[in-house]
N, C-alpha and C. Protein backbone atom coordinates (compact mmCIF):
# COMPACT_ATOMS: atom_id res chain seq x y z
N UNK A 1 -5.48 -2.85 14.28
CA UNK A 1 -3.78 -2.45 13.52
C UNK A 1 -3.02 -1.91 14.43
N UNK A 2 -2.20 -2.76 15.64
CA UNK A 2 -1.35 -2.10 16.33
C UNK A 2 -0.08 -1.24 15.36
N UNK A 3 0.39 -0.09 15.78
CA UNK A 3 1.46 0.63 15.33
C UNK A 3 2.69 0.02 16.08
N UNK A 4 3.76 -0.23 14.91
CA UNK A 4 5.34 -0.29 16.01
C UNK A 4 5.69 0.86 16.49
N UNK A 5 6.54 0.65 16.91
CA UNK A 5 7.40 1.69 18.01
C UNK A 5 8.53 1.93 17.07
N UNK A 6 8.43 3.09 16.28
CA UNK A 6 9.74 3.15 15.81
C UNK A 6 10.40 4.30 15.89
N UNK A 7 11.65 4.60 15.39
CA UNK A 7 12.34 5.94 16.08
C UNK A 7 13.22 6.30 14.48
N UNK A 8 13.64 7.64 15.11
CA UNK A 8 14.31 8.13 13.85
C UNK A 8 15.57 7.13 12.77
N UNK A 9 16.35 6.29 13.94
CA UNK A 9 17.40 5.37 13.14
C UNK A 9 16.27 4.23 12.68
N UNK A 10 15.19 4.02 13.03
CA UNK A 10 14.36 2.83 12.24
C UNK A 10 13.90 3.61 10.60
N UNK A 11 13.52 4.52 11.38
CA UNK A 11 13.47 5.53 10.22
C UNK A 11 14.00 5.35 8.49
N UNK A 12 15.41 5.63 9.20
CA UNK A 12 16.69 6.12 8.65
C UNK A 12 16.94 4.68 7.64
N UNK A 13 17.04 3.87 8.50
CA UNK A 13 17.24 2.38 7.80
C UNK A 13 16.20 1.99 7.07
N UNK A 14 15.15 2.18 7.29
CA UNK A 14 13.66 1.55 5.93
C UNK A 14 14.22 2.48 4.90
N UNK A 15 14.39 3.82 5.07
CA UNK A 15 14.79 4.47 3.90
C UNK A 15 15.92 4.17 3.18
N UNK A 16 17.28 3.55 3.68
CA UNK A 16 18.28 3.18 3.01
C UNK A 16 17.53 2.04 2.50
N UNK A 17 17.09 0.99 2.88
CA UNK A 17 16.36 -0.23 2.17
C UNK A 17 15.52 0.23 1.05
N UNK A 18 14.66 1.14 1.45
CA UNK A 18 13.58 1.29 -0.20
C UNK A 18 14.50 1.84 -1.43
N UNK A 19 16.02 2.42 -0.79
CA UNK A 19 16.50 3.14 -1.69
C UNK A 19 16.82 2.08 -2.61
N UNK A 20 17.48 1.16 -2.11
CA UNK A 20 17.92 -0.02 -2.73
C UNK A 20 18.34 -1.44 -2.00
N UNK A 21 17.41 -1.97 -1.75
CA UNK A 21 18.03 -3.34 -0.70
C UNK A 21 18.95 -4.24 -1.42
N UNK A 22 18.55 -4.51 -2.43
CA UNK A 22 19.63 -5.56 -2.62
C UNK A 22 20.89 -5.30 -2.69
N UNK A 23 21.22 -4.22 -2.86
CA UNK A 23 22.67 -3.44 -3.17
C UNK A 23 23.02 -2.81 -1.98
N UNK A 24 22.20 -2.91 -0.67
CA UNK A 24 22.71 -2.11 0.77
C UNK A 24 22.95 -2.84 1.53
N UNK A 25 23.87 -3.29 1.83
CA UNK A 25 24.52 -4.19 3.14
C UNK A 25 24.19 -3.46 4.74
N UNK A 26 24.36 -4.47 5.99
CA UNK A 26 24.46 -3.64 6.81
C UNK A 26 25.35 -2.34 7.51
N UNK A 27 26.32 -3.07 6.46
CA UNK A 27 27.55 -2.08 7.01
C UNK A 27 27.29 -0.40 6.63
N UNK A 28 26.92 -0.90 5.08
CA UNK A 28 26.50 0.54 4.22
C UNK A 28 25.47 1.31 4.89
N UNK A 29 24.49 0.71 5.74
CA UNK A 29 23.58 1.47 6.22
C UNK A 29 24.44 2.01 7.77
N UNK A 30 24.66 1.29 8.23
CA UNK A 30 25.60 1.72 9.20
C UNK A 30 26.26 2.91 9.25
N UNK A 31 27.20 3.11 8.18
CA UNK A 31 27.62 3.89 7.94
C UNK A 31 27.13 5.21 7.82
N UNK A 32 26.17 5.00 6.94
CA UNK A 32 25.23 6.35 6.62
C UNK A 32 24.53 6.72 8.10
N UNK A 33 24.12 5.75 8.61
CA UNK A 33 23.63 6.36 9.86
C UNK A 33 24.36 6.29 11.27
N UNK A 34 25.80 5.91 10.89
CA UNK A 34 26.55 6.32 12.45
C UNK A 34 26.60 5.20 13.64
N UNK A 35 26.03 4.11 13.23
CA UNK A 35 26.04 3.11 14.02
C UNK A 35 26.74 1.86 13.75
N UNK A 36 26.83 1.04 14.66
CA UNK A 36 27.04 -0.35 14.23
C UNK A 36 26.64 -1.57 13.28
N UNK A 37 27.38 -2.06 12.30
CA UNK A 37 26.60 -2.90 11.60
C UNK A 37 25.58 -4.16 12.04
N UNK A 38 25.83 -4.40 13.62
CA UNK A 38 24.95 -5.17 14.29
C UNK A 38 24.01 -4.56 15.01
N UNK A 39 24.26 -3.22 15.06
CA UNK A 39 22.98 -2.62 15.28
C UNK A 39 21.72 -2.47 14.12
N UNK A 40 22.91 -2.31 13.23
CA UNK A 40 21.49 -1.96 11.90
C UNK A 40 20.89 -3.46 11.41
N UNK A 41 21.86 -4.66 11.93
CA UNK A 41 21.31 -6.12 11.63
C UNK A 41 20.08 -6.00 12.69
N UNK A 42 19.78 -5.77 13.85
CA UNK A 42 18.92 -6.32 15.21
C UNK A 42 17.71 -5.71 14.81
N UNK A 43 18.15 -4.03 14.35
CA UNK A 43 16.98 -3.30 14.01
C UNK A 43 16.11 -3.97 12.72
N UNK A 44 16.69 -4.22 11.91
CA UNK A 44 16.00 -4.84 10.40
C UNK A 44 15.42 -5.96 11.15
N UNK A 45 15.99 -6.92 11.57
CA UNK A 45 15.28 -7.68 12.36
C UNK A 45 13.85 -7.70 13.07
N UNK A 46 14.02 -6.53 14.18
CA UNK A 46 12.84 -6.54 14.94
C UNK A 46 12.01 -5.57 13.80
N UNK A 47 12.10 -5.12 12.83
CA UNK A 47 11.15 -4.24 11.96
C UNK A 47 10.75 -5.80 11.29
N UNK A 48 11.25 -6.37 10.85
CA UNK A 48 10.48 -7.57 10.09
C UNK A 48 9.71 -8.17 11.39
N UNK A 49 10.04 -8.39 12.54
CA UNK A 49 9.28 -9.17 13.48
C UNK A 49 8.09 -8.43 13.97
N UNK A 50 8.19 -7.31 13.77
CA UNK A 50 7.11 -6.54 13.64
C UNK A 50 6.10 -6.00 12.84
N UNK A 51 6.54 -6.93 11.45
CA UNK A 51 5.60 -6.55 10.49
C UNK A 51 5.87 -5.43 10.00
N UNK A 52 7.03 -4.41 10.30
CA UNK A 52 7.02 -3.12 9.21
C UNK A 52 7.47 -3.05 8.17
N UNK A 53 8.64 -4.35 8.04
CA UNK A 53 9.34 -4.87 6.55
C UNK A 53 8.70 -6.15 6.54
N UNK A 54 7.79 -6.02 5.30
CA UNK A 54 7.15 -7.21 5.21
C UNK A 54 7.86 -7.90 3.86
N UNK A 55 8.64 -7.26 3.56
CA UNK A 55 9.44 -8.56 2.38
C UNK A 55 10.29 -7.50 1.58
N UNK A 56 11.17 -8.43 0.78
CA UNK A 56 11.85 -7.59 -0.14
C UNK A 56 11.69 -8.31 -1.64
N UNK A 57 11.14 -7.43 -2.50
CA UNK A 57 10.77 -7.76 -4.05
C UNK A 57 11.72 -7.34 -5.03
N UNK A 58 11.76 -8.52 -6.05
CA UNK A 58 12.43 -7.87 -7.37
C UNK A 58 11.40 -6.52 -7.89
N UNK A 59 12.25 -5.98 -9.10
CA UNK A 59 11.65 -5.26 -9.67
C UNK A 59 11.60 -5.73 -11.06
N UNK A 60 10.43 -6.09 -11.64
CA UNK A 60 10.65 -6.99 -12.89
C UNK A 60 10.23 -6.08 -14.11
N UNK A 61 11.28 -6.45 -14.91
CA UNK A 61 10.36 -6.09 -16.67
C UNK A 61 9.86 -6.58 -17.33
N UNK A 62 8.52 -7.07 -17.14
CA UNK A 62 7.72 -8.05 -17.39
C UNK A 62 7.81 -7.87 -19.09
N UNK A 63 7.84 -6.72 -19.64
CA UNK A 63 8.55 -6.94 -21.61
C UNK A 63 9.51 -7.33 -21.65
N UNK A 64 10.76 -7.16 -20.97
CA UNK A 64 11.76 -8.18 -21.24
C UNK A 64 11.82 -9.58 -20.95
N UNK A 65 10.86 -10.08 -20.14
CA UNK A 65 10.47 -11.19 -19.57
C UNK A 65 9.98 -12.21 -20.44
N UNK A 66 8.92 -11.42 -21.72
CA UNK A 66 8.10 -11.60 -22.64
C UNK A 66 6.73 -11.59 -22.38
N UNK A 67 6.60 -10.67 -21.22
CA UNK A 67 5.24 -10.14 -21.51
C UNK A 67 4.50 -9.20 -21.54
N UNK A 68 4.20 -8.74 -22.86
CA UNK A 68 4.28 -6.98 -23.44
C UNK A 68 3.13 -6.46 -22.98
N UNK A 69 2.17 -7.09 -21.94
CA UNK A 69 0.78 -6.42 -21.80
C UNK A 69 0.85 -6.74 -19.97
N UNK A 70 1.14 -5.31 -19.77
CA UNK A 70 1.15 -4.86 -18.27
C UNK A 70 -0.21 -4.16 -18.10
N UNK A 71 -1.21 -4.33 -17.96
CA UNK A 71 -2.74 -3.86 -17.38
C UNK A 71 -2.88 -3.60 -15.81
N UNK A 72 -3.59 -2.46 -15.88
CA UNK A 72 -4.21 -2.25 -14.15
C UNK A 72 -5.64 -2.46 -14.74
N UNK A 73 -6.17 -3.03 -14.05
CA UNK A 73 -7.85 -3.69 -13.90
C UNK A 73 -8.12 -2.83 -12.83
N UNK A 74 -9.42 -2.15 -13.07
CA UNK A 74 -9.74 -1.35 -11.86
C UNK A 74 -11.75 -2.05 -11.58
N UNK A 75 -11.64 -2.81 -10.62
CA UNK A 75 -12.90 -3.83 -10.45
C UNK A 75 -13.76 -2.93 -9.64
N UNK A 76 -14.65 -3.48 -9.18
CA UNK A 76 -15.56 -2.81 -8.11
C UNK A 76 -16.11 -4.27 -7.48
N UNK A 77 -15.73 -4.50 -6.38
CA UNK A 77 -16.16 -5.68 -5.20
C UNK A 77 -17.22 -5.10 -4.24
N UNK A 78 -18.09 -5.96 -3.87
CA UNK A 78 -19.09 -5.97 -2.45
C UNK A 78 -18.31 -5.85 -1.49
N UNK A 79 -18.59 -4.25 -0.77
CA UNK A 79 -17.70 -4.09 0.28
C UNK A 79 -17.60 -4.97 1.19
N UNK A 80 -18.72 -5.79 1.53
CA UNK A 80 -18.48 -6.71 2.92
C UNK A 80 -17.31 -7.78 2.52
N UNK A 81 -17.65 -8.25 1.10
CA UNK A 81 -16.38 -9.24 0.37
C UNK A 81 -15.07 -8.84 -0.12
N UNK A 82 -15.23 -7.49 0.00
CA UNK A 82 -13.81 -6.59 -0.61
C UNK A 82 -12.88 -7.48 -0.32
N UNK A 83 -12.20 -7.41 0.90
CA UNK A 83 -10.67 -7.79 1.47
C UNK A 83 -10.90 -9.50 1.02
N UNK A 84 -11.89 -10.24 1.36
CA UNK A 84 -11.47 -11.82 0.90
C UNK A 84 -11.58 -11.95 -0.76
N UNK A 85 -12.14 -11.09 -1.25
CA UNK A 85 -11.86 -11.21 -2.79
C UNK A 85 -10.67 -10.81 -3.04
N UNK A 86 -10.00 -9.56 -2.50
CA UNK A 86 -8.65 -9.20 -2.91
C UNK A 86 -7.62 -10.25 -2.60
N UNK A 87 -8.06 -11.17 -1.56
CA UNK A 87 -7.27 -12.30 -1.44
C UNK A 87 -7.43 -13.57 -2.47
N UNK A 88 -8.49 -13.62 -2.91
CA UNK A 88 -8.97 -14.38 -3.82
C UNK A 88 -8.35 -14.04 -5.54
N UNK A 89 -8.41 -12.94 -5.46
CA UNK A 89 -7.49 -12.28 -6.64
C UNK A 89 -6.42 -12.63 -7.19
N UNK A 90 -5.71 -12.25 -5.69
CA UNK A 90 -4.10 -13.14 -5.87
C UNK A 90 -3.85 -13.98 -6.45
N UNK A 91 -4.77 -15.33 -6.41
CA UNK A 91 -4.52 -16.47 -7.18
C UNK A 91 -4.89 -16.67 -8.32
N UNK A 92 -5.21 -15.46 -9.16
CA UNK A 92 -5.24 -15.76 -10.25
C UNK A 92 -4.51 -15.82 -11.19
N UNK A 93 -4.19 -16.55 -11.98
CA UNK A 93 -2.80 -16.61 -12.84
C UNK A 93 -2.82 -15.42 -13.79
N UNK A 94 -1.78 -14.55 -13.33
CA UNK A 94 -1.22 -13.43 -14.15
C UNK A 94 -1.69 -12.30 -13.22
N UNK A 95 -2.14 -12.18 -12.45
CA UNK A 95 -2.19 -11.28 -11.39
C UNK A 95 -0.93 -11.35 -10.36
N UNK A 96 -0.52 -9.67 -10.66
CA UNK A 96 1.07 -9.66 -9.84
C UNK A 96 0.85 -8.88 -8.67
N UNK A 97 -0.19 -8.23 -8.55
CA UNK A 97 -0.50 -7.30 -7.52
C UNK A 97 -2.13 -6.78 -7.08
N UNK A 98 -2.39 -6.53 -6.15
CA UNK A 98 -3.61 -5.80 -5.85
C UNK A 98 -4.15 -4.94 -4.77
N UNK A 99 -4.59 -3.98 -4.66
CA UNK A 99 -4.61 -3.10 -3.71
C UNK A 99 -5.74 -2.77 -4.21
N UNK A 100 -6.55 -2.78 -2.27
CA UNK A 100 -7.72 -2.45 -1.93
C UNK A 100 -8.02 -0.59 -1.70
N UNK A 101 -8.81 -0.39 -2.51
CA UNK A 101 -9.62 1.27 -2.24
C UNK A 101 -10.11 1.33 -1.51
N UNK A 102 -10.35 2.33 -0.89
CA UNK A 102 -11.34 2.83 0.20
C UNK A 102 -12.51 3.59 -0.37
N UNK A 103 -13.46 3.07 -1.29
CA UNK A 103 -14.29 3.61 -1.97
C UNK A 103 -15.38 2.47 -2.02
N UNK A 104 -16.73 3.12 -2.47
CA UNK A 104 -17.77 2.14 -2.40
C UNK A 104 -17.67 1.62 -3.84
N UNK A 105 -16.95 2.13 -5.05
CA UNK A 105 -17.20 1.31 -6.31
C UNK A 105 -15.48 1.34 -7.01
N UNK A 106 -15.04 1.04 -7.44
CA UNK A 106 -13.81 1.11 -8.59
C UNK A 106 -12.64 0.80 -7.06
N UNK A 107 -13.11 -0.22 -6.28
CA UNK A 107 -12.93 -0.67 -4.81
C UNK A 107 -11.21 -1.33 -5.01
N UNK A 108 -11.09 -2.23 -6.44
CA UNK A 108 -10.05 -3.11 -6.25
C UNK A 108 -9.26 -2.52 -7.51
N UNK A 109 -7.85 -2.44 -7.72
CA UNK A 109 -6.88 -2.10 -8.33
C UNK A 109 -5.98 -3.39 -8.42
N UNK A 110 -6.19 -4.22 -9.83
CA UNK A 110 -5.38 -5.23 -9.98
C UNK A 110 -4.35 -5.06 -11.12
N UNK A 111 -3.53 -5.16 -10.62
CA UNK A 111 -1.89 -5.13 -11.79
C UNK A 111 -2.03 -6.50 -12.46
N UNK A 112 -1.85 -6.74 -13.64
CA UNK A 112 -1.77 -8.30 -14.58
C UNK A 112 -0.88 -7.85 -15.23
N UNK A 113 -0.08 -9.24 -15.79
CA UNK A 113 0.39 -9.10 -16.75
C UNK A 113 0.39 -10.71 -17.69
N UNK A 114 0.44 -10.41 -19.21
CA UNK A 114 0.28 -11.44 -20.00
C UNK A 114 0.92 -10.95 -21.55
N UNK A 115 0.83 -12.14 -22.49
CA UNK A 115 1.34 -12.07 -23.45
C UNK A 115 0.95 -11.66 -24.62
N UNK A 116 -0.51 -11.84 -24.32
CA UNK A 116 -1.51 -11.26 -25.47
C UNK A 116 -2.82 -11.03 -24.79
N UNK A 117 -4.02 -10.65 -25.86
CA UNK A 117 -5.01 -10.24 -25.11
C UNK A 117 -5.41 -11.79 -25.02
N UNK A 118 -5.41 -12.67 -25.11
CA UNK A 118 -6.25 -13.62 -24.91
C UNK A 118 -5.60 -14.19 -23.21
N UNK A 119 -4.51 -13.63 -22.96
CA UNK A 119 -4.59 -14.00 -21.40
C UNK A 119 -5.35 -12.92 -20.81
N UNK A 120 -5.34 -11.65 -21.37
CA UNK A 120 -6.19 -10.74 -20.75
C UNK A 120 -7.57 -10.96 -20.45
N UNK A 121 -8.05 -11.35 -21.66
CA UNK A 121 -9.41 -11.80 -21.73
C UNK A 121 -9.57 -12.70 -20.58
N UNK A 122 -8.79 -13.95 -20.51
CA UNK A 122 -8.80 -14.79 -19.75
C UNK A 122 -8.97 -14.46 -18.19
N UNK A 123 -7.75 -13.51 -17.97
CA UNK A 123 -7.74 -13.22 -16.69
C UNK A 123 -9.30 -12.05 -16.40
N UNK A 124 -9.63 -11.70 -17.15
CA UNK A 124 -11.04 -10.67 -16.83
C UNK A 124 -11.96 -12.05 -16.58
N UNK A 125 -12.15 -12.74 -17.17
CA UNK A 125 -13.16 -13.84 -16.99
C UNK A 125 -12.95 -14.76 -15.52
N UNK A 126 -11.85 -14.47 -14.87
CA UNK A 126 -11.59 -15.23 -13.96
C UNK A 126 -12.04 -13.88 -12.96
N UNK A 127 -11.72 -12.80 -13.07
CA UNK A 127 -12.03 -11.66 -12.00
C UNK A 127 -13.91 -11.55 -11.55
N UNK A 128 -14.15 -11.82 -13.03
CA UNK A 128 -15.79 -11.85 -12.89
C UNK A 128 -16.36 -12.94 -12.57
N UNK A 129 -15.78 -14.31 -12.72
CA UNK A 129 -16.09 -15.24 -11.97
C UNK A 129 -16.37 -15.46 -10.40
N UNK A 130 -15.05 -14.77 -9.92
CA UNK A 130 -14.70 -14.34 -8.28
C UNK A 130 -15.95 -13.15 -7.99
N UNK A 131 -16.41 -12.74 -8.60
CA UNK A 131 -17.37 -11.47 -7.87
C UNK A 131 -17.13 -10.22 -8.14
N UNK A 132 -15.90 -10.05 -8.84
CA UNK A 132 -15.48 -8.77 -9.28
C UNK A 132 -16.01 -8.01 -10.53
N UNK A 133 -16.51 -6.92 -10.66
CA UNK A 133 -17.39 -6.22 -11.67
C UNK A 133 -16.41 -5.43 -12.46
N UNK A 134 -15.50 -5.56 -13.62
CA UNK A 134 -14.23 -5.11 -14.00
C UNK A 134 -15.23 -3.68 -14.98
N UNK A 135 -14.22 -2.57 -14.02
CA UNK A 135 -14.93 -1.08 -14.55
C UNK A 135 -14.15 -0.55 -15.76
N UNK A 136 -12.71 -1.02 -15.83
CA UNK A 136 -11.72 -0.42 -16.53
C UNK A 136 -10.97 -0.64 -16.52
N UNK A 137 -9.79 -0.54 -17.69
CA UNK A 137 -8.85 -1.54 -17.92
C UNK A 137 -7.74 -0.69 -18.51
N UNK A 138 -6.32 -0.35 -18.45
CA UNK A 138 -5.54 0.86 -18.88
C UNK A 138 -4.16 0.04 -19.07
N UNK A 139 -3.38 -0.12 -20.21
CA UNK A 139 -2.10 -0.33 -20.80
C UNK A 139 -1.39 0.10 -19.25
N UNK A 140 -0.30 -0.42 -18.65
CA UNK A 140 0.71 0.41 -17.97
C UNK A 140 1.98 0.55 -18.73
N UNK A 141 2.25 2.04 -19.07
CA UNK A 141 3.67 1.72 -19.74
C UNK A 141 5.12 1.77 -19.02
N UNK A 142 4.85 2.65 -17.61
CA UNK A 142 5.95 2.69 -16.81
C UNK A 142 5.30 3.00 -15.57
N UNK A 143 6.15 2.50 -14.21
CA UNK A 143 6.22 2.77 -13.23
C UNK A 143 7.17 3.15 -12.33
N UNK A 144 7.30 3.90 -11.66
CA UNK A 144 8.22 5.01 -10.91
C UNK A 144 8.03 4.65 -9.45
N UNK A 145 9.28 4.35 -9.09
CA UNK A 145 8.92 4.26 -7.14
C UNK A 145 9.61 5.16 -6.54
N UNK A 146 9.83 5.51 -5.37
CA UNK A 146 11.18 6.05 -4.59
C UNK A 146 10.84 5.78 -3.37
N UNK A 147 11.80 6.18 -2.38
CA UNK A 147 11.52 5.96 -0.80
C UNK A 147 10.74 7.10 -0.12
N UNK A 148 10.09 6.59 0.83
CA UNK A 148 9.15 7.75 1.66
C UNK A 148 10.38 8.65 2.23
N UNK A 149 10.19 10.17 1.60
CA UNK A 149 11.53 11.25 1.84
C UNK A 149 11.12 11.54 3.44
N UNK A 150 9.88 11.00 3.92
CA UNK A 150 10.37 11.59 5.63
C UNK A 150 11.03 10.79 6.54
N UNK A 151 11.28 9.58 5.82
CA UNK A 151 12.39 8.34 6.18
C UNK A 151 13.83 9.34 6.02
N UNK A 152 13.88 9.85 5.11
CA UNK A 152 15.57 10.33 4.76
C UNK A 152 16.11 11.06 5.69
N UNK A 153 17.70 10.57 5.43
CA UNK A 153 18.60 10.84 6.70
C UNK A 153 18.78 12.38 6.31
N UNK A 154 19.15 12.86 7.61
CA UNK A 154 19.95 14.47 7.20
C UNK A 154 21.19 14.38 6.32
N UNK A 155 21.82 13.60 6.54
CA UNK A 155 23.03 13.21 5.28
C UNK A 155 22.65 13.32 3.59
N UNK A 156 21.38 12.74 3.90
CA UNK A 156 20.61 12.85 2.24
C UNK A 156 20.43 14.30 1.77
N UNK A 157 20.26 15.35 2.71
CA UNK A 157 19.89 16.54 3.01
C UNK A 157 18.56 16.63 2.43
N UNK A 158 18.08 15.79 3.17
CA UNK A 158 16.32 15.90 3.46
C UNK A 158 16.06 15.79 4.98
N UNK A 159 15.08 16.30 5.35
CA UNK A 159 14.58 16.48 6.78
C UNK A 159 13.16 15.51 7.17
């Protein structure tokens, strides 16, 4: 995989979008970075085309949406098949995220949501049918995210 050639301004733009992309306009970013809004829009477009910015996703409160059970399912997938299995796992109804981990065992982390234990049991059976060995399941209480601090602007008091 090739790395994209990004500079300090690109990093600052990414940081601003990571903070709150939905409520941050090109004008807001431009003001914080001391450039024009058109420069910000062009930079964002270039970052998207370079696949550095791969999307904008809503932060969903599944419990409020009626899905009380949000679970991290840790699986082991055969190494030669791990990447393909990760793609297949994404298609299982109830799976909201899949992470490949660089270990021999417990190398897939699958985040799932369901209304009840029947949903979770079905998802577990579906994962098993694909060839993923379920090693552990943990209910997720809360998740916290923040922007990558190395991208922070000097105006934020960080370097």
